[in-house]
Amino acid sequence: MTNRYRKFWRAPIRPLAVIKEIDPQTANLYRGVAIFIIAAHNFQHMLKGFAIENEFSFKRENFNTFIELISTEPLNSYTTLLSYFGSSLISIFIFLSAYGLSKRCATIDNISYLPFLTARWKKLVPVFGLTILFWLVYEGFQYGWSGPIKLAYWKWQAILFKLTLLSNFVPHMSLQPVGPWWFIPFIFQFYLIFPLIHQLNRQRKRGIILLALGVSSILISYLLRDSSINIYTTVIGHLPEFCLGLYFAHHKEVKITPLLFVAAIALFAMGNLYQIFWHFNYVTVLVLIFVGVHHFCHLIVKLPLLHRFFTFLGNYSMYIFLTNGFLREPFIDWADRYHHWFLNILFSLISFTLVIIISVALKRCEDILLRQLKR
């Protein structure tokens, strides 16, 4: 073997991405990029013929439809790609929730359970409460002046299950009354188990413990795949992403090597074809997303206007997530009426602009409300 080839084989392999400690500003930037894609997905996948994502369950025919749409309707590639892949970005929010909490509690040996849950609940109540009230007014007035009261009466059961955080354990209730609201009970389930996982994560062999939790979660999700309760609207289905967030929080940097990246691509590709591999998709796609988002965020740091835009979206990401599900409806009807690729994008952007305006208004209302309560 010549010296040139020896040097080639002995040369260190450079990682594709080095994820260092994620400060709040960077986390906000990640959220901004993620919510932009998620909101676009939530619009595009509601268009006729484009509900093709394997978000909460696996259907092989969805991938077949995806390939067919890409090949037969190339001008609709924007809609097709977002519809099929866009929901994967929820992994970023799940990861960052675990990462941020773990960082904040890093010096705490024993978390006081009730005060911890109370603090988390107090953060969720104003956001979710204001969103529900706005939804009742926005949707209700189409039924007249008493419409909001009528809507509350018609949907009282779904609202009650959502407010009591039980909806994700009730068959056919997880996506009621508004689809994206499944996230509220889901994230609180993580808060319920976080103190226990935090204790386990402080053990010497925490890497093995987190791996065992993640693998156990995937196994349980596979065994309960035919359950009437959708496991992917519960914390069990997304425990691997939480565990990855906890793992990253305890390391100053994590390197994503080419080998890991290729393995993630292979596993994700298999997950589009076979159900048994699909249960790994959320955690494998998180590795792929991190490489993409990491490099994208490094790029937009050099573009101040774009950087400010995505950071701004990150600040309002929760309200955007909760309101886009019902504010999109009239625009989807118009897009379906014309069924043109350009109008799909145009109506999506108009809808997103409205979502941003309403999100800013609701956040201002929340700030005023909290200031009044502190007096």
Foldseek 3Di string as FASTA:
>chain_A
DDPVVVCVVPPDFAFLDKFFQQDPLNLLLLLLVLLVLLLLLLQLCPFPQQQLAQQLAADLVSVVSLVVCCVPPVLQPVSSCSPHPSNLSVLSVLLVLLQVVCLVCVPPQADPQPVLLVVVVVVVCLLVVLLLVVCLVVVQCVVPPCRSVVVCVVQVVLVVCLVVLNQLVDQPNLCPPFHLSLVNSAVSLCSNCVRVLSNCCPDPPNVVVLVVLLVVLLVVQVVCNVPSRRCSSHNSLSSNSSSVSNVSSPDRIDGHGPVLLVVLVVLLVVLSRDVSSVSCNSVSVVSVVCSVSVVVLVVCVVVVVVSVSSSLCSVLSVQLSSNSRPLLVVLSVVCNVVVDSVSSVVSSVVSSVVSSVVSVVSVVVSVVVVVVVVD
